[in-house]
Amino acid sequence: MAAAFLHHLCLPPPQGPRSCSFSVLLINHLSLPPNTMSHEKHHHHFLDHHHKKEKPAAEMTKKDYEKEVKHHKHLEHVGKVGVVAAGSYALHEKHMAKKDPEHAHSHKIKEEIAVTVAVGSLAFSRHEHHEKKEAKKEQHSAFEKKHHHF
């Protein structure tokens, strides 16, 4: 997984087992001057993401509503992946705190941080779930036929 992320950042994967830590590679990459080849080839707006302006409800097509639902569903799944990843890391650190009593305090702090990240990811996932439901409701009210029962 880390090698795929390093490839996404245009970084070479580490050679051999534990030859260079991921954080060192990432810090070195981020501290490159902006005019280097790495920044010229790939310009990612991951942290500086600009949201598209939403169209007024009158201009929204059925496809626009479907895209919005799909977008919120995708972000909901991303939040769930974050919950699983952070929860797994928290359990790992809890195990390491018991296994390595010499550094137990450090492991407990990392565990608490991971739990906090998991809770934040869960909140984000729930938020996106409600946004998805709202988008589906808007789509239904905008395009479904009205049923009149006399």
C-alpha atoms as a PDB file:
ATOM      1  CA  MET A   1       0.000   0.000   0.000  1.00  0.00           C
ATOM      2  CA  ALA A   2       2.769   2.433   0.902  1.00  0.00           C
ATOM      3  CA  ALA A   3       4.589   1.704  -2.357  1.00  0.00           C
ATOM      4  CA  ALA A   4       1.454   2.597  -4.335  1.00  0.00           C
ATOM      5  CA  PHE A   5       1.132   5.872  -2.433  1.00  0.00           C
ATOM      6  CA  LEU A   6       4.820   6.621  -3.011  1.00  0.00           C
ATOM      7  CA  HIS A   7       4.299   5.979  -6.718  1.00  0.00           C
ATOM      8  CA  HIS A   8       1.353   8.415  -6.666  1.00  0.00           C
ATOM      9  CA  LEU A   9       3.678  11.052  -5.203  1.00  0.00           C
ATOM     10  CA  CYS A  10       6.347  10.284  -7.829  1.00  0.00           C
ATOM     11  CA  LEU A  11       8.699   8.970  -5.158  1.00  0.00           C
ATOM     12  CA  PRO A  12      10.896   5.934  -5.579  1.00  0.00           C
ATOM     13  CA  PRO A  13       9.874   2.997  -3.371  1.00  0.00           C
ATOM     14  CA  PRO A  14      12.369   2.152  -0.622  1.00  0.00           C
ATOM     15  CA  GLN A  15      15.002  -0.398  -1.607  1.00  0.00           C
ATOM     16  CA  GLY A  16      15.181  -3.440   0.659  1.00  0.00           C
ATOM     17  CA  PRO A  17      13.496  -3.938   3.992  1.00  0.00           C
ATOM     18  CA  ARG A  18      13.245  -0.768   6.081  1.00  0.00           C
ATOM     19  CA  SER A  19      15.877   1.114   4.101  1.00  0.00           C
ATOM     20  CA  CYS A  20      14.110   4.444   4.467  1.00  0.00           C
ATOM     21  CA  SER A  21      11.013   5.393   6.374  1.00  0.00           C
ATOM     22  CA  PHE A  22       7.925   6.586   4.564  1.00  0.00           C
ATOM     23  CA  SER A  23       7.792   9.803   6.593  1.00  0.00           C
ATOM     24  CA  VAL A  24      11.357  10.734   5.595  1.00  0.00           C
ATOM     25  CA  LEU A  25      10.511  10.224   1.911  1.00  0.00           C
ATOM     26  CA  LEU A  26       7.342  12.255   2.233  1.00  0.00           C
ATOM     27  CA  ILE A  27       9.075  15.118   4.059  1.00  0.00           C
ATOM     28  CA  ASN A  28      11.862  15.162   1.476  1.00  0.00           C
ATOM     29  CA  HIS A  29       9.296  15.241  -1.329  1.00  0.00           C
ATOM     30  CA  LEU A  30       7.264  18.027   0.218  1.00  0.00           C
ATOM     31  CA  SER A  31      10.349  20.128   0.891  1.00  0.00           C
ATOM     32  CA  LEU A  32      11.408  20.131  -2.784  1.00  0.00           C
ATOM     33  CA  PRO A  33      11.435  23.576  -4.391  1.00  0.00           C
ATOM     34  CA  PRO A  34       8.281  24.188  -6.438  1.00  0.00           C
ATOM     35  CA  ASN A  35      10.170  24.433  -9.730  1.00  0.00           C
ATOM     36  CA  THR A  36      11.550  20.871  -9.687  1.00  0.00           C
ATOM     37  CA  MET A  37      10.503  18.324 -12.282  1.00  0.00           C
ATOM     38  CA  SER A  38       8.367  16.417  -9.794  1.00  0.00           C
ATOM     39  CA  HIS A  39       6.114  19.417  -9.267  1.00  0.00           C
ATOM     40  CA  GLU A  40       6.006  20.323 -12.966  1.00  0.00           C
ATOM     41  CA  LYS A  41       4.800  16.887 -14.095  1.00  0.00           C
ATOM     42  CA  HIS A  42       2.152  16.262 -11.465  1.00  0.00           C
ATOM     43  CA  HIS A  43       0.274  19.055  -9.800  1.00  0.00           C
ATOM     44  CA  HIS A  44      -2.185  17.529  -7.351  1.00  0.00           C
ATOM     45  CA  HIS A  45      -4.745  19.596  -5.507  1.00  0.00           C
ATOM     46  CA  PHE A  46      -5.324  17.116  -2.711  1.00  0.00           C
ATOM     47  CA  LEU A  47      -5.101  19.473   0.232  1.00  0.00           C
ATOM     48  CA  ASP A  48      -6.139  22.571  -1.707  1.00  0.00           C
ATOM     49  CA  HIS A  49      -9.314  21.033  -3.132  1.00  0.00           C
ATOM     50  CA  HIS A  50     -11.807  23.472  -4.585  1.00  0.00           C
ATOM     51  CA  HIS A  51     -15.425  22.436  -4.576  1.00  0.00           C
ATOM     52  CA  LYS A  52     -17.427  22.869  -7.720  1.00  0.00           C
ATOM     53  CA  LYS A  53     -20.194  25.391  -7.445  1.00  0.00           C
ATOM     54  CA  GLU A  54     -23.541  23.648  -7.342  1.00  0.00           C
ATOM     55  CA  LYS A  55     -26.036  24.383 -10.038  1.00  0.00           C
ATOM     56  CA  PRO A  56     -29.353  25.904  -9.032  1.00  0.00           C
ATOM     57  CA  ALA A  57     -32.044  23.279  -8.524  1.00  0.00           C
ATOM     58  CA  ALA A  58     -33.856  24.402 -11.683  1.00  0.00           C
ATOM     59  CA  GLU A  59     -30.778  23.637 -13.840  1.00  0.00           C
ATOM     60  CA  MET A  60     -30.013  20.226 -12.325  1.00  0.00           C
ATOM     61  CA  THR A  61     -30.556  17.283 -14.644  1.00  0.00           C
ATOM     62  CA  LYS A  62     -31.257  13.721 -13.595  1.00  0.00           C
ATOM     63  CA  LYS A  63     -27.639  12.861 -14.384  1.00  0.00           C
ATOM     64  CA  ASP A  64     -26.426  15.703 -12.118  1.00  0.00           C
ATOM     65  CA  TYR A  65     -28.457  14.310  -9.240  1.00  0.00           C
ATOM     66  CA  GLU A  66     -27.095  10.806  -9.890  1.00  0.00           C
ATOM     67  CA  LYS A  67     -23.545  12.178  -9.882  1.00  0.00           C
ATOM     68  CA  GLU A  68     -24.169  13.927  -6.577  1.00  0.00           C
ATOM     69  CA  VAL A  69     -25.548  10.745  -4.992  1.00  0.00           C
ATOM     70  CA  LYS A  70     -22.579   8.765  -6.299  1.00  0.00           C
ATOM     71  CA  HIS A  71     -20.157  11.386  -4.989  1.00  0.00           C
ATOM     72  CA  HIS A  72     -21.597  11.266  -1.472  1.00  0.00           C
ATOM     73  CA  LYS A  73     -21.697   7.452  -1.561  1.00  0.00           C
ATOM     74  CA  HIS A  74     -18.010   7.386  -2.507  1.00  0.00           C
ATOM     75  CA  LEU A  75     -17.081   9.774   0.305  1.00  0.00           C
ATOM     76  CA  GLU A  76     -19.155   7.698   2.745  1.00  0.00           C
ATOM     77  CA  HIS A  77     -17.109   4.638   1.773  1.00  0.00           C
ATOM     78  CA  VAL A  78     -13.871   6.602   2.165  1.00  0.00           C
ATOM     79  CA  GLY A  79     -14.953   7.500   5.692  1.00  0.00           C
ATOM     80  CA  LYS A  80     -15.677   3.848   6.471  1.00  0.00           C
ATOM     81  CA  VAL A  81     -12.229   2.843   5.216  1.00  0.00           C
ATOM     82  CA  GLY A  82     -10.751   5.489   7.504  1.00  0.00           C
ATOM     83  CA  VAL A  83     -12.657   4.017  10.455  1.00  0.00           C
ATOM     84  CA  VAL A  84     -11.325   0.528   9.741  1.00  0.00           C
ATOM     85  CA  ALA A  85      -7.759   1.707   9.177  1.00  0.00           C
ATOM     86  CA  ALA A  86      -7.595   3.925  12.257  1.00  0.00           C
ATOM     87  CA  GLY A  87      -9.335   1.304  14.406  1.00  0.00           C
ATOM     88  CA  SER A  88      -6.883  -1.364  13.268  1.00  0.00           C
ATOM     89  CA  TYR A  89      -3.957   0.905  14.043  1.00  0.00           C
ATOM     90  CA  ALA A  90      -5.405   1.674  17.488  1.00  0.00           C
ATOM     91  CA  LEU A  91      -5.674  -2.047  18.245  1.00  0.00           C
ATOM     92  CA  HIS A  92      -2.116  -2.543  17.023  1.00  0.00           C
ATOM     93  CA  GLU A  93      -0.827   0.200  19.319  1.00  0.00           C
ATOM     94  CA  LYS A  94      -2.790  -1.227  22.233  1.00  0.00           C
ATOM     95  CA  HIS A  95      -1.108  -4.584  21.606  1.00  0.00           C
ATOM     96  CA  MET A  96       2.296  -2.922  21.329  1.00  0.00           C
ATOM     97  CA  ALA A  97       1.757  -1.100  24.645  1.00  0.00           C
ATOM     98  CA  LYS A  98       1.323  -4.468  26.364  1.00  0.00           C
ATOM     99  CA  LYS A  99       4.117  -6.123  24.408  1.00  0.00           C
ATOM    100  CA  ASP A 100       6.666  -3.306  24.847  1.00  0.00           C
ATOM    101  CA  PRO A 101       6.306  -1.972  28.408  1.00  0.00           C
ATOM    102  CA  GLU A 102       9.412   0.187  28.038  1.00  0.00           C
ATOM    103  CA  HIS A 103       7.663   2.378  25.450  1.00  0.00           C
ATOM    104  CA  ALA A 104       4.098   1.805  26.676  1.00  0.00           C
ATOM    105  CA  HIS A 105       3.373   5.505  27.221  1.00  0.00           C
ATOM    106  CA  SER A 106       4.228   6.348  23.613  1.00  0.00           C
ATOM    107  CA  HIS A 107       2.075   3.482  22.336  1.00  0.00           C
ATOM    108  CA  LYS A 108      -0.872   4.569  24.503  1.00  0.00           C
ATOM    109  CA  ILE A 109      -0.673   8.113  23.135  1.00  0.00           C
ATOM    110  CA  LYS A 110      -0.598   6.781  19.559  1.00  0.00           C
ATOM    111  CA  GLU A 111      -3.548   4.542  20.389  1.00  0.00           C
ATOM    112  CA  GLU A 112      -5.589   7.479  21.690  1.00  0.00           C
ATOM    113  CA  ILE A 113      -4.795   9.526  18.595  1.00  0.00           C
ATOM    114  CA  ALA A 114      -5.829   6.628  16.359  1.00  0.00           C
ATOM    115  CA  VAL A 115      -9.104   6.241  18.261  1.00  0.00           C
ATOM    116  CA  THR A 116      -9.775   9.965  17.825  1.00  0.00           C
ATOM    117  CA  VAL A 117      -9.117   9.673  14.086  1.00  0.00           C
ATOM    118  CA  ALA A 118     -11.470   6.668  13.901  1.00  0.00           C
ATOM    119  CA  VAL A 119     -14.241   8.617  15.636  1.00  0.00           C
ATOM    120  CA  GLY A 120     -13.696  11.563  13.273  1.00  0.00           C
ATOM    121  CA  SER A 121     -13.839   9.247  10.262  1.00  0.00           C
ATOM    122  CA  LEU A 122     -17.042   7.720  11.568  1.00  0.00           C
ATOM    123  CA  ALA A 123     -18.590  11.158  11.986  1.00  0.00           C
ATOM    124  CA  PHE A 124     -17.535  12.062   8.433  1.00  0.00           C
ATOM    125  CA  SER A 125     -19.010   8.818   7.107  1.00  0.00           C
ATOM    126  CA  ARG A 126     -22.322   9.444   8.878  1.00  0.00           C
ATOM    127  CA  HIS A 127     -22.366  13.030   7.553  1.00  0.00           C
ATOM    128  CA  GLU A 128     -21.879  11.807   3.988  1.00  0.00           C
ATOM    129  CA  HIS A 129     -24.568   9.157   4.506  1.00  0.00           C
ATOM    130  CA  HIS A 130     -27.056  11.877   5.393  1.00  0.00           C
ATOM    131  CA  GLU A 131     -25.899  14.026   2.458  1.00  0.00           C
ATOM    132  CA  LYS A 132     -26.449  11.027   0.162  1.00  0.00           C
ATOM    133  CA  LYS A 133     -29.968  10.508   1.552  1.00  0.00           C
ATOM    134  CA  GLU A 134     -30.750  14.185   1.067  1.00  0.00           C
ATOM    135  CA  ALA A 135     -29.487  14.105  -2.540  1.00  0.00           C
ATOM    136  CA  LYS A 136     -31.626  11.031  -3.256  1.00  0.00           C
ATOM    137  CA  LYS A 137     -34.651  12.765  -1.764  1.00  0.00           C
ATOM    138  CA  GLU A 138     -34.039  15.865  -3.896  1.00  0.00           C
ATOM    139  CA  GLN A 139     -33.665  13.689  -6.996  1.00  0.00           C
ATOM    140  CA  HIS A 140     -36.874  11.844  -6.211  1.00  0.00           C
ATOM    141  CA  SER A 141     -38.855  15.023  -5.621  1.00  0.00           C
ATOM    142  CA  ALA A 142     -37.475  16.671  -8.773  1.00  0.00           C
ATOM    143  CA  PHE A 143     -37.978  13.856 -11.294  1.00  0.00           C
ATOM    144  CA  GLU A 144     -40.434  11.270 -10.038  1.00  0.00           C
ATOM    145  CA  LYS A 145     -44.049  11.475 -11.113  1.00  0.00           C
ATOM    146  CA  LYS A 146     -46.511  12.672  -8.566  1.00  0.00           C
ATOM    147  CA  HIS A 147     -49.052  10.020  -7.631  1.00  0.00           C
ATOM    148  CA  HIS A 148     -52.446  11.406  -6.835  1.00  0.00           C
ATOM    149  CA  HIS A 149     -54.816   9.069  -5.045  1.00  0.00           C
ATOM    150  CA  PHE A 150     -58.412  10.216  -5.170  1.00  0.00           C
END
